[in-house]
Amino acid sequence: MEYLVLEKRLKRLKEVLQKRQKDLIVFADNVKNEHNFSAIVRTCDAVGVLYLYYYHSEGKKAKISEGVTQGSHKWLFIEKVDNPAQKLKELKSKGFQIVATWLSEDSIDFREVDYTKPTVIVVGNELQGVSQWVLKIADKKIVIPMYGMAQSLNVSVATGIILYEAQKQREKKRLYDKPSLSEEEIQRILKKWAYDDIIKDRKRTVVSR
């Protein structure tokens, strides 16, 4: 395969794919603020998440602030979902545990979850939190303990805290030491990142002139 990047860049892309955790997924349920969503994207990239799904109640496509993501949105598969309940049930049928952020009497400390299992972390809207249909599907509801007057954190901050707990657990089990992606998957993504996407960017540049 001929790639359209320098060898040093190609090596870096391969190293990143070796660490990607395809069985650690984030689902943003109606997160509407562009800055918050972009910050979630950046953190996902940082901890090795490959798939980020999102639902918008008005059917809108998520806006990305490149000033916030610093280009990290290019290295994730970000997919808009129109039927979120169906998507979560599909992932659940594939063996994923659904973990949703929610403050209630039966919620548990976010650190009590075993994130080394295939996991979907669902984070919710800035004001309402996750939807009621999420709570019906969720296997676990989690909270981040807080000892001040505030009862919640910014959604992007909360997502970061949870993801780094997941990273810590996965590092301890050495899950970053062996690829979760097959060689075929790695080659397919490399083709997208180092060839297809570059061709698309060049065409867009030509059209915009």
Protein backbone atom coordinates (compact mmCIF):
# COMPACT_ATOMS: atom_id res chain seq x y z
CA MET A 1 0.00 0.00 0.00
CA GLU A 2 1.30 3.46 -0.92
CA TYR A 3 0.80 6.02 1.84
CA LEU A 4 0.81 9.79 1.42
CA VAL A 5 2.64 10.61 4.65
CA LEU A 6 6.30 10.67 5.65
CA GLU A 7 7.75 7.53 7.21
CA LYS A 8 8.03 9.21 10.61
CA ARG A 9 4.33 10.12 10.50
CA LEU A 10 3.37 6.63 9.38
CA LYS A 11 5.33 5.14 12.27
CA ARG A 12 3.48 7.40 14.71
CA LEU A 13 0.09 6.40 13.27
CA LYS A 14 0.98 2.73 13.65
CA GLU A 15 2.05 3.27 17.26
CA VAL A 16 -1.25 4.98 18.03
CA LEU A 17 -3.26 2.15 16.49
CA GLN A 18 -1.33 -0.40 18.52
CA LYS A 19 -2.71 1.29 21.66
CA ARG A 20 -6.28 1.92 20.53
CA GLN A 21 -8.91 0.25 22.74
CA LYS A 22 -11.72 -0.77 20.42
CA ASP A 23 -13.76 -2.22 23.31
CA LEU A 24 -13.81 1.04 25.30
CA ILE A 25 -16.49 3.24 23.74
CA VAL A 26 -17.91 6.62 24.68
CA PHE A 27 -21.53 7.56 23.91
CA ALA A 28 -22.46 11.25 24.22
CA ASP A 29 -26.19 11.47 24.83
CA ASN A 30 -27.41 14.88 23.67
CA VAL A 31 -24.26 16.81 24.61
CA LYS A 32 -25.00 20.07 22.79
CA ASN A 33 -22.19 22.44 23.69
CA GLU A 34 -19.53 22.49 20.97
CA HIS A 35 -16.70 23.11 23.44
CA ASN A 36 -17.80 20.27 25.71
CA PHE A 37 -18.16 17.80 22.86
CA SER A 38 -14.79 18.78 21.39
CA ALA A 39 -13.11 18.40 24.78
CA ILE A 40 -14.61 14.90 25.07
CA VAL A 41 -13.22 14.07 21.63
CA ARG A 42 -9.74 15.20 22.66
CA THR A 43 -9.78 13.14 25.85
CA CYS A 44 -11.03 10.07 23.97
CA ASP A 45 -8.04 10.31 21.66
CA ALA A 46 -5.67 10.79 24.59
CA VAL A 47 -6.71 7.57 26.37
CA GLY A 48 -6.93 5.44 23.23
CA VAL A 49 -10.68 5.39 22.55
CA LEU A 50 -11.38 4.69 18.89
CA TYR A 51 -15.19 4.92 18.66
CA LEU A 52 -17.27 7.85 19.86
CA TYR A 53 -21.01 7.72 19.22
CA TYR A 54 -23.36 10.61 19.81
CA TYR A 55 -27.07 11.42 19.72
CA HIS A 56 -28.55 14.89 19.25
CA SER A 57 -32.23 15.33 20.09
CA GLU A 58 -32.67 17.80 17.21
CA GLY A 59 -30.91 15.51 14.76
CA LYS A 60 -28.05 17.93 14.27
CA LYS A 61 -24.53 16.93 13.35
CA ALA A 62 -22.06 17.60 16.16
CA LYS A 63 -19.94 20.71 15.73
CA ILE A 64 -16.22 20.31 16.28
CA SER A 65 -14.00 23.11 17.56
CA GLU A 66 -10.59 22.41 16.06
CA GLY A 67 -9.11 24.91 18.49
CA VAL A 68 -10.19 22.55 21.28
CA THR A 69 -9.57 19.18 19.63
CA GLN A 70 -6.18 20.22 18.22
CA GLY A 71 -6.82 17.80 15.36
CA SER A 72 -7.60 14.81 17.58
CA HIS A 73 -11.03 14.41 15.91
CA LYS A 74 -9.21 13.08 12.84
CA TRP A 75 -8.06 10.00 14.74
CA LEU A 76 -11.44 8.83 16.04
CA PHE A 77 -14.47 7.32 14.38
CA ILE A 78 -17.19 9.76 15.41
CA GLU A 79 -20.65 8.55 14.45
CA LYS A 80 -24.02 10.25 14.76
CA VAL A 81 -26.74 7.86 15.93
CA ASP A 82 -30.41 8.50 15.19
CA ASN A 83 -31.76 5.57 17.22
CA PRO A 84 -29.59 5.57 20.37
CA ALA A 85 -31.57 2.93 22.24
CA GLN A 86 -31.16 0.51 19.36
CA LYS A 87 -27.42 1.26 19.16
CA LEU A 88 -26.85 0.66 22.86
CA LYS A 89 -28.89 -2.54 22.79
CA GLU A 90 -26.81 -3.68 19.81
CA LEU A 91 -23.58 -3.04 21.69
CA LYS A 92 -24.99 -4.74 24.77
CA SER A 93 -25.82 -7.82 22.69
CA LYS A 94 -22.17 -7.91 21.64
CA GLY A 95 -21.04 -8.21 25.24
CA PHE A 96 -20.52 -4.58 26.20
CA GLN A 97 -21.54 -3.36 29.65
CA ILE A 98 -23.41 -0.06 29.53
CA VAL A 99 -22.24 2.38 32.20
CA ALA A 100 -24.14 5.66 32.53
CA THR A 101 -23.37 8.74 34.59
CA TRP A 102 -26.33 9.44 36.88
CA LEU A 103 -26.92 10.64 40.42
CA SER A 104 -29.34 8.36 42.27
CA GLU A 105 -29.58 6.18 45.37
CA ASP A 106 -28.52 3.07 43.48
CA SER A 107 -25.59 4.71 41.68
CA ILE A 108 -22.10 3.51 42.56
CA ASP A 109 -18.70 5.17 42.77
CA PHE A 110 -17.27 5.31 39.24
CA ARG A 111 -14.10 3.59 40.49
CA GLU A 112 -16.04 0.46 41.43
CA VAL A 113 -16.65 -0.43 37.78
CA ASP A 114 -14.34 -2.87 36.00
CA TYR A 115 -13.45 -0.94 32.86
CA THR A 116 -11.18 -3.71 31.58
CA LYS A 117 -14.37 -5.40 30.36
CA PRO A 118 -15.85 -4.25 27.03
CA THR A 119 -17.50 -1.02 28.15
CA VAL A 120 -19.67 1.78 26.79
CA ILE A 121 -19.51 4.92 28.93
CA VAL A 122 -22.62 7.07 28.43
CA VAL A 123 -22.44 10.74 29.39
CA GLY A 124 -25.40 13.06 29.17
CA ASN A 125 -26.73 16.50 28.39
CA GLU A 126 -25.26 19.45 30.27
CA LEU A 127 -28.52 20.17 32.12
CA GLN A 128 -30.69 17.03 32.11
CA GLY A 129 -27.99 14.37 32.15
CA VAL A 130 -28.57 11.09 30.32
CA SER A 131 -32.00 10.22 28.93
CA GLN A 132 -34.44 7.96 30.75
CA TRP A 133 -34.16 5.31 28.04
CA VAL A 134 -30.42 5.13 28.79
CA LEU A 135 -31.13 4.41 32.44
CA LYS A 136 -33.40 1.53 31.45
CA ILE A 137 -30.67 -0.04 29.33
CA ALA A 138 -27.70 0.73 31.58
CA ASP A 139 -26.09 -2.08 33.56
CA LYS A 140 -24.56 0.37 36.02
CA LYS A 141 -25.15 3.97 37.02
CA ILE A 142 -22.09 5.79 38.29
CA VAL A 143 -21.27 8.97 40.18
CA ILE A 144 -18.09 10.90 40.88
CA PRO A 145 -17.99 11.59 44.66
CA MET A 146 -18.17 15.30 45.45
CA TYR A 147 -17.78 17.05 48.77
CA GLY A 148 -18.62 20.63 47.88
CA MET A 149 -21.86 22.50 47.29
CA ALA A 150 -21.96 21.61 43.59
CA GLN A 151 -23.67 18.32 42.74
CA SER A 152 -22.15 17.79 39.33
CA LEU A 153 -19.13 18.48 37.14
CA ASN A 154 -18.91 19.81 33.62
CA VAL A 155 -19.65 16.87 31.30
CA SER A 156 -16.28 17.03 29.56
CA VAL A 157 -14.44 17.12 32.90
CA ALA A 158 -16.49 14.20 34.22
CA THR A 159 -15.82 12.20 31.06
CA GLY A 160 -12.10 12.82 31.45
CA ILE A 161 -12.06 11.65 35.05
CA ILE A 162 -13.91 8.44 34.19
CA LEU A 163 -11.79 7.72 31.13
CA TYR A 164 -8.56 8.09 33.05
CA GLU A 165 -9.82 5.64 35.64
CA ALA A 166 -10.50 3.26 32.76
CA GLN A 167 -7.01 3.92 31.40
CA LYS A 168 -5.45 3.23 34.80
CA GLN A 169 -7.25 -0.10 35.13
CA ARG A 170 -6.38 -1.12 31.58
CA GLU A 171 -2.73 -0.19 32.02
CA LYS A 172 -2.60 -2.27 35.19
CA LYS A 173 -3.86 -5.27 33.21
CA ARG A 174 -1.40 -4.40 30.42
CA LEU A 175 -4.18 -4.06 27.84
CA TYR A 176 -2.22 -1.29 26.12
CA ASP A 177 0.70 -3.67 25.62
CA LYS A 178 -1.06 -5.74 22.99
CA PRO A 179 -3.22 -4.48 20.11
CA SER A 180 -6.98 -4.85 20.47
CA LEU A 181 -7.25 -4.26 16.72
CA SER A 182 -6.49 -7.05 14.28
CA GLU A 183 -3.78 -6.52 11.68
CA GLU A 184 -6.50 -6.26 9.04
CA GLU A 185 -8.28 -3.53 11.03
CA ILE A 186 -5.02 -1.64 11.51
CA GLN A 187 -4.26 -1.73 7.79
CA ARG A 188 -7.80 -0.60 6.92
CA ILE A 189 -7.57 2.38 9.29
CA LEU A 190 -4.07 3.25 8.09
CA LYS A 191 -5.38 3.40 4.54
CA LYS A 192 -8.09 5.81 5.68
CA TRP A 193 -5.78 8.02 7.74
CA ALA A 194 -2.69 8.02 5.54
CA TYR A 195 -4.28 7.91 2.08
CA ASP A 196 -8.06 8.34 1.73
CA ASP A 197 -8.40 11.28 4.15
CA ILE A 198 -5.45 13.08 2.58
CA ILE A 199 -6.94 12.72 -0.89
CA LYS A 200 -10.24 14.13 0.41
CA ASP A 201 -8.47 17.08 2.05
CA ARG A 202 -6.61 17.86 -1.18
CA LYS A 203 -9.84 17.80 -3.18
CA ARG A 204 -11.52 20.13 -0.68
CA THR A 205 -8.56 22.51 -0.92
CA VAL A 206 -8.79 22.57 -4.71
CA VAL A 207 -12.55 23.19 -4.67
CA SER A 208 -12.27 26.03 -2.14
CA ARG A 209 -9.76 27.94 -4.32
